[in-house]
């Protein structure tokens, strides 16, 4: 179902130009700049360039440029756009955002992403999987739960950066299981190979990570999947969903687009309409399939409302994990169906 920026030149910026393979009257947006943060923990490296190519080849814009931008991830929505002039249709600017950016803004105690920019659309998601080495004594998710409840601090789970999507998901799982979230032990790794090494040498008992990234290791038999965070089973991964094991939780890292704060209604509508067209574009759908991204599209007000709720949920978990000094959210109750 279909539902309804920034500019900086940098070394290595990729420019894509053309009339579009679909022909027709031509794109409404003449030039579009897509800013992609390069901060550690962003997790969606290269998506701006791929999106720029799809936009041009699908005839949705005349030219599109992907521009990398360094700096603190949590400050990106505030610092990205700077002063800008002109209508979106002439020279649009959009910022790639994601769940790690939401968490980083909360940890940095800066403006929430939903307030620091104009939410345009959520595009794709990346489900997580909990894995252990093939020789682990933890044969099932039930084994993992039993050990976690017995000694929360004695079971270290690894994943991507501290405070990122894997860490927050682990906090949510612990909360849903009735475990004291403050006791959870988590080790964050910026490099996937470091996380994998930690798992195989026993520094961590399990890993939470991208299902699409870990699928090859699972297929090779080197990792055993215990559970996935998606609403339904994932092809190629023989593991139940959290919902199937009575944990009422569905969670995905996600990626979307923001516009400058204070966009005019006309510019905001134009940006949302462009994202609507992207989600419907065959080239984009083919790219998502090839990359293993799940299309989780939300545009405009639906995305803003969802992002506000998700920010509050993330803030609450970060506070319980000890990464925030305070939180204005309240517990949303147990997520586990008791017998």
Protein backbone atom coordinates (compact mmCIF):
# COMPACT_ATOMS: atom_id res chain seq x y z
CA UNK A 1 0.00 0.00 0.00
CA UNK A 2 1.36 3.45 -0.89
CA UNK A 3 1.01 5.99 1.87
CA UNK A 4 1.26 9.15 2.14
CA UNK A 5 17.72 18.55 2.63
CA UNK A 6 21.21 20.03 2.93
CA UNK A 7 23.93 20.83 0.43
CA UNK A 8 27.69 20.53 0.72
CA UNK A 9 30.25 19.65 -1.88
CA UNK A 10 32.72 17.07 -0.65
CA UNK A 11 35.52 14.93 -2.02
CA UNK A 12 34.12 11.80 -3.56
CA UNK A 13 30.63 13.21 -4.19
CA UNK A 14 28.87 11.26 -6.94
CA UNK A 15 26.88 13.11 -9.58
CA UNK A 16 24.26 11.27 -11.59
CA UNK A 17 22.56 12.99 -14.48
CA UNK A 18 20.22 12.04 -17.28
CA UNK A 19 16.73 12.24 -18.68
CA UNK A 20 15.50 9.00 -17.12
CA UNK A 21 14.87 5.70 -18.77
CA UNK A 22 11.11 5.98 -18.53
CA UNK A 23 10.81 8.97 -20.82
CA UNK A 24 7.60 11.01 -20.55
CA UNK A 25 7.34 14.69 -19.76
CA UNK A 26 10.46 14.63 -17.57
CA UNK A 27 11.05 14.94 -13.83
CA UNK A 28 9.57 17.74 -11.77
CA UNK A 29 12.67 18.05 -9.52
CA UNK A 30 15.57 19.50 -11.47
CA UNK A 31 18.38 18.84 -9.00
CA UNK A 32 18.48 16.88 -5.76
CA UNK A 33 21.21 16.60 -3.15
CA UNK A 34 21.18 13.60 -0.83
CA UNK A 35 23.33 13.95 2.28
CA UNK A 36 24.59 10.73 3.83
CA UNK A 37 26.21 10.84 7.29
CA UNK A 38 29.55 9.07 7.57
CA UNK A 39 29.59 8.89 11.37
CA UNK A 40 30.32 5.51 12.93
CA UNK A 41 27.17 3.59 13.70
CA UNK A 42 25.06 5.01 10.89
CA UNK A 43 24.78 1.57 9.31
CA UNK A 44 23.37 2.55 5.91
CA UNK A 45 26.57 3.31 4.02
CA UNK A 46 26.11 3.87 0.29
CA UNK A 47 22.34 4.08 0.24
CA UNK A 48 22.33 7.73 -0.88
CA UNK A 49 24.32 6.93 -4.01
CA UNK A 50 22.09 3.99 -4.89
CA UNK A 51 18.99 6.08 -4.32
CA UNK A 52 20.38 8.88 -6.48
CA UNK A 53 20.93 6.46 -9.35
CA UNK A 54 17.39 5.09 -9.08
CA UNK A 55 15.90 8.58 -8.99
CA UNK A 56 17.60 9.59 -12.22
CA UNK A 57 17.21 6.31 -14.08
CA UNK A 58 13.51 6.25 -13.19
CA UNK A 59 13.08 9.77 -14.55
CA UNK A 60 12.04 11.25 -11.18
CA UNK A 61 14.75 13.93 -11.07
CA UNK A 62 17.07 15.38 -13.67
CA UNK A 63 20.25 15.21 -11.61
CA UNK A 64 20.96 13.75 -8.18
CA UNK A 65 24.09 14.05 -6.08
CA UNK A 66 25.02 11.92 -3.07
CA UNK A 67 27.21 13.87 -0.66
CA UNK A 68 28.97 12.37 2.33
CA UNK A 69 29.08 14.46 5.48
CA UNK A 70 31.13 13.79 8.61
CA UNK A 71 30.41 14.94 12.12
CA UNK A 72 28.53 13.72 15.14
CA UNK A 73 25.60 11.54 14.12
CA UNK A 74 23.27 13.01 16.75
CA UNK A 75 23.89 16.55 15.53
CA UNK A 76 23.39 15.80 11.82
CA UNK A 77 19.74 16.97 11.56
CA UNK A 78 20.63 20.26 13.21
CA UNK A 79 23.84 20.93 11.30
CA UNK A 80 23.13 19.40 7.90
CA UNK A 81 21.10 21.90 5.98
CA UNK A 82 22.40 25.33 6.94
CA UNK A 83 21.07 28.29 4.98
CA UNK A 84 19.20 27.39 1.84
CA UNK A 85 17.06 29.22 -0.70
CA UNK A 86 14.81 28.31 -3.56
CA UNK A 87 11.97 25.84 -4.04
CA UNK A 88 12.48 22.10 -3.61
CA UNK A 89 11.57 21.45 -7.24
CA UNK A 90 14.55 23.51 -8.41
CA UNK A 91 17.18 22.35 -5.94
CA UNK A 92 16.03 19.89 -3.29
CA UNK A 93 18.03 18.81 -0.25
CA UNK A 94 17.28 15.67 1.78
CA UNK A 95 19.15 14.01 4.63
CA UNK A 96 19.43 10.24 5.03
CA UNK A 97 18.27 9.35 8.53
CA UNK A 98 18.01 6.12 10.48
CA UNK A 99 17.33 4.62 13.89
CA UNK A 100 20.97 5.14 15.07
CA UNK A 101 20.60 8.86 14.33
CA UNK A 102 17.48 9.01 16.52
CA UNK A 103 19.31 7.31 19.38
CA UNK A 104 22.45 9.42 18.93
CA UNK A 105 20.43 12.63 19.14
CA UNK A 106 18.87 11.47 22.41
CA UNK A 107 22.24 10.46 23.89
CA UNK A 108 23.77 13.78 22.81
CA UNK A 109 20.88 15.59 24.54
CA UNK A 110 20.21 17.65 21.42
CA UNK A 111 16.94 18.26 19.61
CA UNK A 112 15.05 15.10 18.75
CA UNK A 113 15.33 14.20 15.08
CA UNK A 114 11.58 14.60 14.60
CA UNK A 115 11.83 18.21 15.82
CA UNK A 116 15.19 19.18 14.29
CA UNK A 117 14.10 18.59 10.69
CA UNK A 118 11.04 17.84 8.56
CA UNK A 119 10.20 14.11 8.45
CA UNK A 120 9.59 13.14 4.82
CA UNK A 121 9.49 9.37 4.52
CA UNK A 122 10.60 6.06 5.99
CA UNK A 123 11.88 3.94 3.10
CA UNK A 124 13.40 0.61 4.09
CA UNK A 125 14.14 -1.54 7.11
CA UNK A 126 16.67 -4.16 8.15
CA UNK A 127 15.48 -6.95 10.46
CA UNK A 128 17.73 -8.33 13.18
CA UNK A 129 18.65 -11.88 14.14
CA UNK A 130 20.06 -13.25 17.40
CA UNK A 131 22.80 -15.78 16.69
CA UNK A 132 25.23 -18.00 18.60
CA UNK A 133 28.16 -20.12 17.38
CA UNK A 134 27.12 -23.45 15.93
CA UNK A 135 28.67 -25.26 18.91
CA UNK A 136 27.00 -23.14 21.58
CA UNK A 137 25.09 -24.81 24.41
CA UNK A 138 22.32 -22.31 23.74
CA UNK A 139 20.36 -24.44 21.31
CA UNK A 140 17.14 -22.41 21.26
CA UNK A 141 15.81 -19.01 22.19
CA UNK A 142 14.21 -20.64 25.24
CA UNK A 143 17.71 -21.68 26.38
CA UNK A 144 18.86 -18.09 25.93
CA UNK A 145 15.90 -16.77 27.93
CA UNK A 146 16.44 -19.23 30.77
CA UNK A 147 20.07 -18.20 31.13
CA UNK A 148 19.26 -14.51 30.83
CA UNK A 149 16.63 -14.67 33.55
CA UNK A 150 18.92 -16.68 35.81
CA UNK A 151 21.90 -14.32 35.52
CA UNK A 152 21.31 -11.20 33.36
CA UNK A 153 24.75 -9.75 34.07
CA UNK A 154 26.46 -13.05 33.29
CA UNK A 155 25.30 -13.21 29.68
CA UNK A 156 27.02 -10.70 27.40
CA UNK A 157 25.41 -9.99 24.03
CA UNK A 158 27.35 -8.26 21.29
CA UNK A 159 26.24 -6.15 18.36
CA UNK A 160 26.81 -2.90 16.58
CA UNK A 161 27.62 0.37 18.34
CA UNK A 162 26.47 1.02 21.90
CA UNK A 163 23.16 2.85 21.88
CA UNK A 164 22.41 1.71 18.32
CA UNK A 165 19.64 -0.47 16.98
CA UNK A 166 21.03 -3.79 18.26
CA UNK A 167 21.61 -2.42 21.76
CA UNK A 168 18.15 -0.88 21.92
CA UNK A 169 16.58 -4.11 20.65
CA UNK A 170 18.38 -6.09 23.36
CA UNK A 171 17.04 -3.67 25.95
CA UNK A 172 13.53 -4.12 24.58
CA UNK A 173 13.85 -7.90 24.64
CA UNK A 174 15.08 -7.80 28.23
CA UNK A 175 12.23 -5.52 29.23
CA UNK A 176 9.69 -7.74 27.50
CA UNK A 177 11.05 -10.75 29.36
CA UNK A 178 10.76 -9.01 32.70
CA UNK A 179 14.52 -8.81 33.20
CA UNK A 180 16.02 -5.79 35.00
CA UNK A 181 17.31 -3.85 31.99
CA UNK A 182 19.97 -2.16 34.11
CA UNK A 183 21.72 -5.51 34.56
CA UNK A 184 22.02 -6.35 30.86
CA UNK A 185 25.58 -6.66 29.57
CA UNK A 186 26.14 -5.46 26.00
CA UNK A 187 29.34 -5.07 23.98
CA UNK A 188 29.24 -2.74 20.98
CA UNK A 189 31.57 -3.14 17.99
CA UNK A 190 32.01 -0.71 15.10
CA UNK A 191 33.49 -3.35 12.80
CA UNK A 192 31.47 -6.50 11.99
CA UNK A 193 34.63 -8.61 11.95
CA UNK A 194 35.43 -7.53 15.51
CA UNK A 195 31.96 -8.56 16.67
CA UNK A 196 32.32 -11.92 14.93
CA UNK A 197 35.72 -12.51 16.49
CA UNK A 198 34.32 -11.68 19.95
CA UNK A 199 31.59 -14.26 19.42
CA UNK A 200 33.88 -17.05 18.29
CA UNK A 201 36.47 -16.55 21.04
CA UNK A 202 33.79 -16.38 23.71
CA UNK A 203 33.95 -12.73 24.77
CA UNK A 204 30.22 -12.56 24.02
CA UNK A 205 27.71 -15.40 24.22
CA UNK A 206 25.50 -14.21 21.37
CA UNK A 207 25.27 -11.53 18.70
CA UNK A 208 22.40 -9.34 17.60
CA UNK A 209 22.84 -8.06 14.08
CA UNK A 210 21.49 -7.52 10.60
CA UNK A 211 19.71 -10.60 9.32
CA UNK A 212 20.73 -9.87 5.74
CA UNK A 213 24.39 -9.43 6.75
CA UNK A 214 24.55 -12.58 8.89
CA UNK A 215 22.61 -14.83 6.50
CA UNK A 216 25.77 -16.12 4.70
CA UNK A 217 27.36 -17.22 8.00
CA UNK A 218 24.10 -18.88 8.98
CA UNK A 219 23.81 -20.64 5.62
CA UNK A 220 27.40 -21.89 5.96
CA UNK A 221 26.53 -23.47 9.32
CA UNK A 222 28.95 -21.34 11.32
CA UNK A 223 26.17 -19.53 13.19
CA UNK A 224 22.93 -20.78 14.69
CA UNK A 225 19.99 -18.36 14.59
CA UNK A 226 17.80 -18.32 17.69
CA UNK A 227 15.17 -15.73 16.84
CA UNK A 228 14.42 -12.93 14.35
CA UNK A 229 12.87 -9.53 15.05
CA UNK A 230 10.60 -9.47 12.00
CA UNK A 231 6.85 -9.95 11.98
CA UNK A 232 7.16 -13.06 9.79
CA UNK A 233 9.75 -15.73 9.10
CA UNK A 234 12.79 -14.69 7.04
CA UNK A 235 13.73 -16.76 4.00
CA UNK A 236 17.00 -18.60 4.51
CA UNK A 237 16.97 -18.28 8.31
CA UNK A 238 15.43 -21.18 10.21
CA UNK A 239 14.41 -19.34 13.36
CA UNK A 240 11.14 -18.23 14.94
CA UNK A 241 10.04 -14.63 15.24
CA UNK A 242 9.89 -12.94 18.63
CA UNK A 243 6.12 -13.01 18.37
CA UNK A 244 6.20 -16.80 17.92
CA UNK A 245 8.10 -17.24 21.19
CA UNK A 246 5.55 -15.09 23.06
CA UNK A 247 7.55 -11.85 23.04
CA UNK A 248 5.20 -9.24 21.63
CA UNK A 249 7.84 -7.23 19.86
CA UNK A 250 8.65 -6.44 16.24
CA UNK A 251 11.67 -4.29 15.58
CA UNK A 252 13.74 -3.13 12.63
CA UNK A 253 16.61 -0.81 11.98
CA UNK A 254 15.25 1.57 9.36
CA UNK A 255 16.32 4.25 6.93
CA UNK A 256 14.43 7.29 5.69
CA UNK A 257 14.71 10.89 4.56
CA UNK A 258 14.42 14.25 6.29
CA UNK A 259 14.00 17.73 4.85
CA UNK A 260 15.15 21.04 6.34
CA UNK A 261 13.27 22.28 9.37
CA UNK A 262 10.60 24.80 8.41
CA UNK A 263 9.98 23.56 4.87
CA UNK A 264 7.08 25.28 3.18
CA UNK A 265 3.95 23.16 2.70
CA UNK A 266 4.57 23.17 -1.05
CA UNK A 267 8.16 21.96 -0.70
CA UNK A 268 7.20 19.32 1.86
CA UNK A 269 4.42 18.02 -0.40
CA UNK A 270 6.81 17.88 -3.34
CA UNK A 271 9.39 15.92 -1.33
CA UNK A 272 6.77 13.47 -0.06
CA UNK A 273 5.38 12.99 -3.55
CA UNK A 274 8.89 12.23 -4.80
CA UNK A 275 9.31 9.57 -2.10
CA UNK A 276 5.90 8.12 -2.98
CA UNK A 277 7.13 7.74 -6.53
CA UNK A 278 10.43 6.21 -5.40
CA UNK A 279 8.66 3.53 -3.37
CA UNK A 280 6.51 2.63 -6.38
CA UNK A 281 9.42 2.63 -8.85
CA UNK A 282 10.28 -0.84 -10.24
CA UNK A 283 14.00 -0.03 -10.15
CA UNK A 284 13.81 0.82 -6.45
CA UNK A 285 11.86 -2.34 -5.64
CA UNK A 286 14.39 -4.42 -7.55
CA UNK A 287 17.25 -2.73 -5.68
CA UNK A 288 15.59 -3.40 -2.32
CA UNK A 289 15.17 -7.05 -3.22
CA UNK A 290 18.80 -7.40 -4.33
CA UNK A 291 20.10 -5.68 -1.18
CA UNK A 292 17.83 -7.56 1.20
CA UNK A 293 16.10 -4.41 2.40
CA UNK A 294 12.49 -4.63 3.53
CA UNK A 295 10.24 -1.94 2.10
CA UNK A 296 8.53 -0.35 5.12
CA UNK A 297 7.27 2.80 3.50
CA UNK A 298 5.59 5.61 5.44
CA UNK A 299 5.27 9.11 4.04
CA UNK A 300 4.46 12.54 5.42
CA UNK A 301 2.27 12.80 8.51
CA UNK A 302 2.22 9.04 9.00
CA UNK A 303 6.01 9.01 9.17
CA UNK A 304 6.09 12.02 11.52
CA UNK A 305 3.62 10.40 13.90
CA UNK A 306 5.44 7.07 13.80
CA UNK A 307 8.81 8.78 14.33
CA UNK A 308 7.50 10.66 17.37
CA UNK A 309 6.28 7.41 18.93
CA UNK A 310 9.46 5.53 18.03
CA UNK A 311 11.62 8.32 19.47
CA UNK A 312 9.75 8.13 22.78
CA UNK A 313 10.11 4.34 22.85
CA UNK A 314 13.82 4.56 22.07
CA UNK A 315 14.36 7.25 24.70
CA UNK A 316 12.71 5.11 27.34
CA UNK A 317 14.93 2.11 26.58
CA UNK A 318 18.10 4.21 26.45
CA UNK A 319 17.25 5.59 29.88
CA UNK A 320 16.72 2.11 31.31
CA UNK A 321 20.01 0.96 29.78
CA UNK A 322 21.76 3.76 31.65
CA UNK A 323 22.67 5.79 28.56
CA UNK A 324 20.40 8.72 29.46
CA UNK A 325 20.20 10.49 32.80
CA UNK A 326 16.47 11.01 32.60
CA UNK A 327 13.48 10.18 30.47
CA UNK A 328 10.05 11.72 30.11
CA UNK A 329 8.59 8.42 28.89
CA UNK A 330 6.80 5.85 31.00
CA UNK A 331 6.87 2.08 30.95
CA UNK A 332 4.58 0.65 28.28
CA UNK A 333 4.04 -2.56 30.22
CA UNK A 334 5.02 -6.17 29.89
CA UNK A 335 5.42 -7.55 26.38
CA UNK A 336 5.29 -11.21 27.36
CA UNK A 337 2.15 -13.27 27.40
CA UNK A 338 2.20 -15.14 30.69
CA UNK A 339 0.63 -18.63 30.96
